[in-house]
PDB file of N, CA and C in Angstrom:
ATOM      1  N   MET A   1      34.408  42.934 179.857  1.00  0.00           N
ATOM      2  CA  MET A   1      34.969  42.923 181.089  1.00  0.00           C
ATOM      3  C   MET A   1      33.737  42.599 181.998  1.00  0.00           C
ATOM      4  N   ALA A   2      34.226  41.971 183.157  1.00  0.00           N
ATOM      5  CA  ALA A   2      33.324  41.502 184.001  1.00  0.00           C
ATOM      6  C   ALA A   2      32.889  42.732 185.055  1.00  0.00           C
ATOM      7  N   ASN A   3      31.584  42.632 185.523  1.00  0.00           N
ATOM      8  CA  ASN A   3      31.218  43.796 186.434  1.00  0.00           C
ATOM      9  C   ASN A   3      31.661  43.417 187.648  1.00  0.00           C
ATOM     10  N   LYS A   4      32.306  44.148 188.392  1.00  0.00           N
ATOM     11  CA  LYS A   4      32.705  43.951 189.860  1.00  0.00           C
ATOM     12  C   LYS A   4      31.607  44.809 190.618  1.00  0.00           C
ATOM     13  N   GLN A   5      31.335  43.854 191.767  1.00  0.00           N
ATOM     14  CA  GLN A   5      30.232  44.473 192.699  1.00  0.00           C
ATOM     15  C   GLN A   5      30.952  45.811 193.388  1.00  0.00           C
ATOM     16  N   LYS A   6      30.168  46.748 193.430  1.00  0.00           N
ATOM     17  CA  LYS A   6      30.673  48.000 194.051  1.00  0.00           C
ATOM     18  C   LYS A   6      30.404  48.094 195.475  1.00  0.00           C
ATOM     19  N   ASN A   7      31.290  48.409 196.256  1.00  0.00           N
ATOM     20  CA  ASN A   7      30.878  48.650 197.868  1.00  0.00           C
ATOM     21  C   ASN A   7      30.713  50.100 198.055  1.00  0.00           C
ATOM     22  N   ARG A   8      29.842  50.278 198.832  1.00  0.00           N
ATOM     23  CA  ARG A   8      29.584  51.558 199.340  1.00  0.00           C
ATOM     24  C   ARG A   8      29.730  51.721 200.892  1.00  0.00           C
ATOM     25  N   ILE A   9      30.328  52.751 201.148  1.00  0.00           N
ATOM     26  CA  ILE A   9      30.901  52.899 202.609  1.00  0.00           C
ATOM     27  C   ILE A   9      30.905  54.320 202.891  1.00  0.00           C
ATOM     28  N   SER A  10      30.276  54.714 204.169  1.00  0.00           N
ATOM     29  CA  SER A  10      30.334  56.019 204.720  1.00  0.00           C
ATOM     30  C   SER A  10      31.762  56.348 205.566  1.00  0.00           C
ATOM     31  N   VAL A  11      32.409  57.243 205.305  1.00  0.00           N
ATOM     32  CA  VAL A  11      33.558  57.385 205.995  1.00  0.00           C
ATOM     33  C   VAL A  11      33.684  58.854 206.412  1.00  0.00           C
ATOM     34  N   ASP A  12      34.498  59.224 207.495  1.00  0.00           N
ATOM     35  CA  ASP A  12      34.660  60.335 208.100  1.00  0.00           C
ATOM     36  C   ASP A  12      36.179  60.813 207.813  1.00  0.00           C
ATOM     37  N   ILE A  13      36.308  61.911 206.988  1.00  0.00           N
ATOM     38  CA  ILE A  13      37.623  62.305 206.696  1.00  0.00           C
ATOM     39  C   ILE A  13      37.568  63.846 207.152  1.00  0.00           C
ATOM     40  N   PHE A  14      38.458  64.161 208.228  1.00  0.00           N
ATOM     41  CA  PHE A  14      38.694  65.529 208.751  1.00  0.00           C
ATOM     42  C   PHE A  14      37.324  66.268 209.117  1.00  0.00           C
ATOM     43  N   GLY A  15      36.514  65.444 209.764  1.00  0.00           N
ATOM     44  CA  GLY A  15      35.160  65.797 210.366  1.00  0.00           C
ATOM     45  C   GLY A  15      34.114  65.924 209.177  1.00  0.00           C
ATOM     46  N   THR A  16      34.118  65.534 208.187  1.00  0.00           N
ATOM     47  CA  THR A  16      33.196  65.475 207.077  1.00  0.00           C
ATOM     48  C   THR A  16      32.857  63.950 206.670  1.00  0.00           C
ATOM     49  N   GLN A  17      31.722  63.551 206.470  1.00  0.00           N
ATOM     50  CA  GLN A  17      31.186  62.465 206.035  1.00  0.00           C
ATOM     51  C   GLN A  17      31.265  62.406 204.480  1.00  0.00           C
ATOM     52  N   TYR A  18      31.682  61.255 204.038  1.00  0.00           N
ATOM     53  CA  TYR A  18      31.799  61.022 202.581  1.00  0.00           C
ATOM     54  C   TYR A  18      31.253  59.770 202.309  1.00  0.00           C
ATOM     55  N   VAL A  19      30.473  59.442 201.363  1.00  0.00           N
ATOM     56  CA  VAL A  19      30.119  58.181 200.727  1.00  0.00           C
ATOM     57  C   VAL A  19      31.170  57.702 199.637  1.00  0.00           C
ATOM     58  N   ILE A  20      31.687  56.752 199.989  1.00  0.00           N
ATOM     59  CA  ILE A  20      32.847  56.258 198.990  1.00  0.00           C
ATOM     60  C   ILE A  20      32.172  54.885 198.162  1.00  0.00           C
ATOM     61  N   LEU A  21      32.266  55.037 196.994  1.00  0.00           N
ATOM     62  CA  LEU A  21      31.971  53.839 196.108  1.00  0.00           C
ATOM     63  C   LEU A  21      32.974  53.256 195.449  1.00  0.00           C
ATOM     64  N   GLY A  22      33.409  51.982 195.608  1.00  0.00           N
ATOM     65  CA  GLY A  22      34.576  51.440 194.896  1.00  0.00           C
ATOM     66  C   GLY A  22      34.426  49.904 194.817  1.00  0.00           C
ATOM     67  N   ALA A  23      35.231  49.488 193.897  1.00  0.00           N
ATOM     68  CA  ALA A  23      35.287  47.930 193.815  1.00  0.00           C
ATOM     69  C   ALA A  23      36.132  47.148 195.078  1.00  0.00           C
ATOM     70  N   GLU A  24      36.914  48.123 195.645  1.00  0.00           N
ATOM     71  CA  GLU A  24      37.809  47.475 196.669  1.00  0.00           C
ATOM     72  C   GLU A  24      36.798  47.081 197.979  1.00  0.00           C
ATOM     73  N   SER A  25      37.402  46.362 198.788  1.00  0.00           N
ATOM     74  CA  SER A  25      36.698  45.839 199.937  1.00  0.00           C
ATOM     75  C   SER A  25      36.476  47.223 200.804  1.00  0.00           C
ATOM     76  N   THR A  26      35.292  47.041 201.746  1.00  0.00           N
ATOM     77  CA  THR A  26      35.153  47.962 202.625  1.00  0.00           C
ATOM     78  C   THR A  26      36.291  48.302 203.591  1.00  0.00           C
ATOM     79  N   ASP A  27      36.863  47.112 204.030  1.00  0.00           N
ATOM     80  CA  ASP A  27      38.214  47.301 204.975  1.00  0.00           C
ATOM     81  C   ASP A  27      39.179  48.231 204.111  1.00  0.00           C
ATOM     82  N   HIS A  28      39.494  47.958 202.926  1.00  0.00           N
ATOM     83  CA  HIS A  28      40.368  48.838 202.129  1.00  0.00           C
ATOM     84  C   HIS A  28      40.014  50.254 202.028  1.00  0.00           C
ATOM     85  N   ILE A  29      38.759  50.504 201.838  1.00  0.00           N
ATOM     86  CA  ILE A  29      38.278  51.845 201.619  1.00  0.00           C
ATOM     87  C   ILE A  29      38.339  52.440 202.872  1.00  0.00           C
ATOM     88  N   ARG A  30      38.207  51.810 203.920  1.00  0.00           N
ATOM     89  CA  ARG A  30      38.164  52.520 205.324  1.00  0.00           C
ATOM     90  C   ARG A  30      39.568  52.853 205.628  1.00  0.00           C
ATOM     91  N   HIS A  31      40.531  52.006 205.307  1.00  0.00           N
ATOM     92  CA  HIS A  31      41.764  52.052 205.505  1.00  0.00           C
ATOM     93  C   HIS A  31      42.451  53.403 204.757  1.00  0.00           C
ATOM     94  N   VAL A  32      42.055  53.349 203.569  1.00  0.00           N
ATOM     95  CA  VAL A  32      42.501  54.588 202.718  1.00  0.00           C
ATOM     96  C   VAL A  32      41.976  55.812 203.208  1.00  0.00           C
ATOM     97  N   ALA A  33      40.832  55.784 203.679  1.00  0.00           N
ATOM     98  CA  ALA A  33      40.062  57.174 204.273  1.00  0.00           C
ATOM     99  C   ALA A  33      40.735  57.508 205.483  1.00  0.00           C
ATOM    100  N   SER A  34      41.146  56.539 206.348  1.00  0.00           N
ATOM    101  CA  SER A  34      41.837  56.621 207.531  1.00  0.00           C
ATOM    102  C   SER A  34      43.109  57.257 207.336  1.00  0.00           C
ATOM    103  N   LEU A  35      43.859  56.923 206.390  1.00  0.00           N
ATOM    104  CA  LEU A  35      45.220  57.358 206.120  1.00  0.00           C
ATOM    105  C   LEU A  35      45.086  58.901 205.618  1.00  0.00           C
ATOM    106  N   VAL A  36      43.937  59.120 204.773  1.00  0.00           N
ATOM    107  CA  VAL A  36      43.928  60.577 204.199  1.00  0.00           C
ATOM    108  C   VAL A  36      43.421  61.519 205.485  1.00  0.00           C
ATOM    109  N   ASP A  37      42.729  61.056 206.289  1.00  0.00           N
ATOM    110  CA  ASP A  37      42.169  61.748 207.560  1.00  0.00           C
ATOM    111  C   ASP A  37      43.573  61.886 208.440  1.00  0.00           C
ATOM    112  N   ASP A  38      44.295  60.896 208.688  1.00  0.00           N
ATOM    113  CA  ASP A  38      45.620  61.137 209.380  1.00  0.00           C
ATOM    114  C   ASP A  38      46.450  62.112 208.809  1.00  0.00           C
ATOM    115  N   LYS A  39      46.783  61.862 207.604  1.00  0.00           N
ATOM    116  CA  LYS A  39      47.728  62.883 206.920  1.00  0.00           C
ATOM    117  C   LYS A  39      46.896  64.509 206.885  1.00  0.00           C
ATOM    118  N   MET A  40      45.753  64.575 206.696  1.00  0.00           N
ATOM    119  CA  MET A  40      45.151  65.932 206.889  1.00  0.00           C
ATOM    120  C   MET A  40      45.230  66.445 208.352  1.00  0.00           C
ATOM    121  N   ARG A  41      45.224  65.707 209.258  1.00  0.00           N
ATOM    122  CA  ARG A  41      45.313  66.145 210.670  1.00  0.00           C
ATOM    123  C   ARG A  41      46.805  66.450 210.984  1.00  0.00           C
ATOM    124  N   GLU A  42      47.621  65.557 210.406  1.00  0.00           N
ATOM    125  CA  GLU A  42      49.146  65.928 210.550  1.00  0.00           C
ATOM    126  C   GLU A  42      49.556  67.273 209.993  1.00  0.00           C
ATOM    127  N   ILE A  43      49.139  67.563 208.667  1.00  0.00           N
ATOM    128  CA  ILE A  43      49.416  68.712 208.051  1.00  0.00           C
ATOM    129  C   ILE A  43      48.540  70.014 208.802  1.00  0.00           C
ATOM    130  N   SER A  44      47.479  69.683 209.243  1.00  0.00           N
ATOM    131  CA  SER A  44      46.665  70.841 209.875  1.00  0.00           C
ATOM    132  C   SER A  44      47.371  71.097 211.187  1.00  0.00           C
ATOM    133  N   SER A  45      47.935  70.174 211.937  1.00  0.00           N
ATOM    134  CA  SER A  45      48.569  70.538 213.212  1.00  0.00           C
ATOM    135  C   SER A  45      49.754  71.348 212.990  1.00  0.00           C
ATOM    136  N   LYS A  46      50.365  71.237 211.947  1.00  0.00           N
ATOM    137  CA  LYS A  46      51.616  71.971 211.603  1.00  0.00           C
ATOM    138  C   LYS A  46      51.293  73.422 210.873  1.00  0.00           C
ATOM    139  N   ASN A  47      50.010  73.408 210.438  1.00  0.00           N
ATOM    140  CA  ASN A  47      49.746  74.729 209.534  1.00  0.00           C
ATOM    141  C   ASN A  47      48.157  74.965 210.075  1.00  0.00           C
ATOM    142  N   PRO A  48      47.918  75.344 211.343  1.00  0.00           N
ATOM    143  CA  PRO A  48      46.570  75.465 211.663  1.00  0.00           C
ATOM    144  C   PRO A  48      45.673  76.564 211.084  1.00  0.00           C
ATOM    145  N   GLY A  49      46.442  77.401 210.376  1.00  0.00           N
ATOM    146  CA  GLY A  49      45.562  78.638 209.742  1.00  0.00           C
ATOM    147  C   GLY A  49      44.888  78.090 208.218  1.00  0.00           C
ATOM    148  N   LEU A  50      45.454  76.964 207.859  1.00  0.00           N
ATOM    149  CA  LEU A  50      45.007  76.638 206.449  1.00  0.00           C
ATOM    150  C   LEU A  50      43.426  76.244 206.459  1.00  0.00           C
ATOM    151  N   ASP A  51      42.799  76.769 205.338  1.00  0.00           N
ATOM    152  CA  ASP A  51      41.447  76.451 205.231  1.00  0.00           C
ATOM    153  C   ASP A  51      41.438  74.987 204.521  1.00  0.00           C
ATOM    154  N   VAL A  52      40.044  74.445 204.585  1.00  0.00           N
ATOM    155  CA  VAL A  52      40.225  73.011 204.124  1.00  0.00           C
ATOM    156  C   VAL A  52      40.521  72.558 202.745  1.00  0.00           C
ATOM    157  N   SER A  53      40.303  73.565 201.794  1.00  0.00           N
ATOM    158  CA  SER A  53      40.557  73.256 200.444  1.00  0.00           C
ATOM    159  C   SER A  53      41.971  73.469 200.124  1.00  0.00           C
ATOM    160  N   LYS A  54      42.801  74.097 200.914  1.00  0.00           N
ATOM    161  CA  LYS A  54      44.321  74.239 200.914  1.00  0.00           C
ATOM    162  C   LYS A  54      44.877  73.139 201.399  1.00  0.00           C
ATOM    163  N   LEU A  55      44.189  72.698 202.629  1.00  0.00           N
ATOM    164  CA  LEU A  55      44.479  71.445 203.507  1.00  0.00           C
ATOM    165  C   LEU A  55      44.534  70.216 202.526  1.00  0.00           C
ATOM    166  N   ALA A  56      43.506  70.232 201.741  1.00  0.00           N
ATOM    167  CA  ALA A  56      43.068  68.992 200.885  1.00  0.00           C
ATOM    168  C   ALA A  56      44.101  68.997 199.748  1.00  0.00           C
ATOM    169  N   VAL A  57      44.344  70.106 199.171  1.00  0.00           N
ATOM    170  CA  VAL A  57      45.462  70.177 198.183  1.00  0.00           C
ATOM    171  C   VAL A  57      46.791  69.715 198.503  1.00  0.00           C
ATOM    172  N   LEU A  58      47.184  70.194 199.700  1.00  0.00           N
ATOM    173  CA  LEU A  58      48.523  69.962 200.424  1.00  0.00           C
ATOM    174  C   LEU A  58      48.607  68.327 200.677  1.00  0.00           C
ATOM    175  N   THR A  59      47.418  67.787 201.275  1.00  0.00           N
ATOM    176  CA  THR A  59      47.226  66.479 201.396  1.00  0.00           C
ATOM    177  C   THR A  59      47.466  65.669 200.087  1.00  0.00           C
ATOM    178  N   ALA A  60      46.856  66.160 198.977  1.00  0.00           N
ATOM    179  CA  ALA A  60      46.973  65.388 197.880  1.00  0.00           C
ATOM    180  C   ALA A  60      48.508  65.610 197.162  1.00  0.00           C
ATOM    181  N   ILE A  61      49.116  66.739 197.411  1.00  0.00           N
ATOM    182  CA  ILE A  61      50.532  66.704 196.803  1.00  0.00           C
ATOM    183  C   ILE A  61      51.404  65.636 197.755  1.00  0.00           C
ATOM    184  N   ASN A  62      51.138  65.572 198.995  1.00  0.00           N
ATOM    185  CA  ASN A  62      52.022  64.681 199.736  1.00  0.00           C
ATOM    186  C   ASN A  62      51.617  63.280 199.476  1.00  0.00           C
ATOM    187  N   ALA A  63      50.479  62.879 198.948  1.00  0.00           N
ATOM    188  CA  ALA A  63      50.054  61.612 198.651  1.00  0.00           C
ATOM    189  C   ALA A  63      50.778  61.227 197.285  1.00  0.00           C
ATOM    190  N   VAL A  64      50.606  62.163 196.397  1.00  0.00           N
ATOM    191  CA  VAL A  64      51.011  61.813 194.980  1.00  0.00           C
ATOM    192  C   VAL A  64      52.865  61.892 195.049  1.00  0.00           C
ATOM    193  N   ASN A  65      53.401  62.815 196.009  1.00  0.00           N
ATOM    194  CA  ASN A  65      54.738  62.696 196.187  1.00  0.00           C
ATOM    195  C   ASN A  65      55.134  61.232 196.796  1.00  0.00           C
ATOM    196  N   ASP A  66      54.541  60.790 197.616  1.00  0.00           N
ATOM    197  CA  ASP A  66      54.771  59.410 198.261  1.00  0.00           C
ATOM    198  C   ASP A  66      54.653  58.406 197.200  1.00  0.00           C
ATOM    199  N   TYR A  67      53.608  58.544 196.328  1.00  0.00           N
ATOM    200  CA  TYR A  67      53.419  57.629 195.307  1.00  0.00           C
ATOM    201  C   TYR A  67      54.519  57.628 194.250  1.00  0.00           C
ATOM    202  N   LEU A  68      54.858  58.850 193.758  1.00  0.00           N
ATOM    203  CA  LEU A  68      55.853  58.874 192.909  1.00  0.00           C
ATOM    204  C   LEU A  68      57.385  58.330 193.474  1.00  0.00           C
ATOM    205  N   LYS A  69      57.695  58.546 194.795  1.00  0.00           N
ATOM    206  CA  LYS A  69      58.875  57.890 195.370  1.00  0.00           C
ATOM    207  C   LYS A  69      58.599  56.362 195.400  1.00  0.00           C
ATOM    208  N   MET A  70      57.683  55.906 195.701  1.00  0.00           N
ATOM    209  CA  MET A  70      57.480  54.547 195.708  1.00  0.00           C
ATOM    210  C   MET A  70      57.489  53.881 194.414  1.00  0.00           C
ATOM    211  N   LYS A  71      57.105  54.524 193.286  1.00  0.00           N
ATOM    212  CA  LYS A  71      56.965  54.032 191.939  1.00  0.00           C
ATOM    213  C   LYS A  71      58.405  54.055 191.396  1.00  0.00           C
ATOM    214  N   ASP A  72      59.120  55.049 191.683  1.00  0.00           N
ATOM    215  CA  ASP A  72      60.679  55.218 191.297  1.00  0.00           C
ATOM    216  C   ASP A  72      61.336  54.061 192.135  1.00  0.00           C
ATOM    217  N   GLU A  73      61.149  53.756 193.278  1.00  0.00           N
ATOM    218  CA  GLU A  73      61.939  52.657 193.967  1.00  0.00           C
ATOM    219  C   GLU A  73      61.483  51.366 193.378  1.00  0.00           C
ATOM    220  N   LEU A  74      60.224  51.113 193.063  1.00  0.00           N
ATOM    221  CA  LEU A  74      59.843  49.908 192.402  1.00  0.00           C
ATOM    222  C   LEU A  74      60.470  49.576 191.167  1.00  0.00           C
ATOM    223  N   GLU A  75      60.431  50.664 190.354  1.00  0.00           N
ATOM    224  CA  GLU A  75      61.187  50.651 189.029  1.00  0.00           C
ATOM    225  C   GLU A  75      62.580  50.377 189.156  1.00  0.00           C
ATOM    226  N   ARG A  76      63.212  50.899 190.223  1.00  0.00           N
ATOM    227  CA  ARG A  76      64.667  50.711 190.336  1.00  0.00           C
ATOM    228  C   ARG A  76      64.986  49.312 190.840  1.00  0.00           C
ATOM    229  N   LEU A  77      64.009  48.588 191.808  1.00  0.00           N
ATOM    230  CA  LEU A  77      64.245  47.263 192.230  1.00  0.00           C
ATOM    231  C   LEU A  77      63.978  46.330 190.975  1.00  0.00           C
ATOM    232  N   HIS A  78      62.907  46.749 190.165  1.00  0.00           N
ATOM    233  CA  HIS A  78      62.648  45.830 189.138  1.00  0.00           C
ATOM    234  C   HIS A  78      63.852  45.891 188.195  1.00  0.00           C
ATOM    235  N   ALA A  79      64.577  46.924 187.835  1.00  0.00           N
ATOM    236  CA  ALA A  79      65.671  46.977 186.963  1.00  0.00           C
ATOM    237  C   ALA A  79      66.714  46.137 187.645  1.00  0.00           C
ATOM    238  N   ALA A  80      66.901  46.210 188.942  1.00  0.00           N
ATOM    239  CA  ALA A  80      68.142  45.487 189.539  1.00  0.00           C
ATOM    240  C   ALA A  80      67.745  44.140 189.362  1.00  0.00           C
ATOM    241  N   LEU A  81      66.475  43.653 189.600  1.00  0.00           N
ATOM    242  CA  LEU A  81      66.264  42.230 189.681  1.00  0.00           C
ATOM    243  C   LEU A  81      66.344  41.723 188.084  1.00  0.00           C
ATOM    244  N   GLN A  82      65.985  42.375 187.113  1.00  0.00           N
ATOM    245  CA  GLN A  82      66.364  42.126 185.819  1.00  0.00           C
ATOM    246  C   GLN A  82      67.740  41.826 185.456  1.00  0.00           C
ATOM    247  N   ASN A  83      68.643  42.851 186.179  1.00  0.00           N
ATOM    248  CA  ASN A  83      70.122  42.853 185.774  1.00  0.00           C
ATOM    249  C   ASN A  83      70.582  41.600 186.441  1.00  0.00           C
ATOM    250  N   GLU A  84      70.110  41.202 187.646  1.00  0.00           N
ATOM    251  CA  GLU A  84      70.688  39.925 188.446  1.00  0.00           C
ATOM    252  C   GLU A  84      70.098  38.801 187.637  1.00  0.00           C
ATOM    253  N   LYS A  85      69.142  38.730 187.011  1.00  0.00           N
ATOM    254  CA  LYS A  85      68.566  37.520 186.142  1.00  0.00           C
ATOM    255  C   LYS A  85      69.378  37.382 184.818  1.00  0.00           C
ATOM    256  N   GLY A  86      69.993  38.520 184.372  1.00  0.00           N
ATOM    257  CA  GLY A  86      70.652  38.418 183.250  1.00  0.00           C
ATOM    258  C   GLY A  86      72.218  38.031 183.517  1.00  0.00           C
ATOM    259  N   LEU A  87      72.581  37.956 184.829  1.00  0.00           N
ATOM    260  CA  LEU A  87      73.998  37.641 185.005  1.00  0.00           C
ATOM    261  C   LEU A  87      74.267  36.206 185.041  1.00  0.00           C
TER     262      LEU A  87
END
């Protein structure tokens, strides 16, 4: 397997600095961090008493829930496309 160059970038998520190392572009990493920050702020605004660790868990649950919904939809669309091709 070829070695991909890793990008290192510092991002701010919910007031804390994190150094992220990944093969994705710095713009992609920044975008992901921004989405996480936005979701944490959204959840925090609705639940201001949550501590950061509980807020992080709820953010992760929301992200995985969204991922599973999109995965199911992709599988449904893929199956529909395969059925169309079979006709």
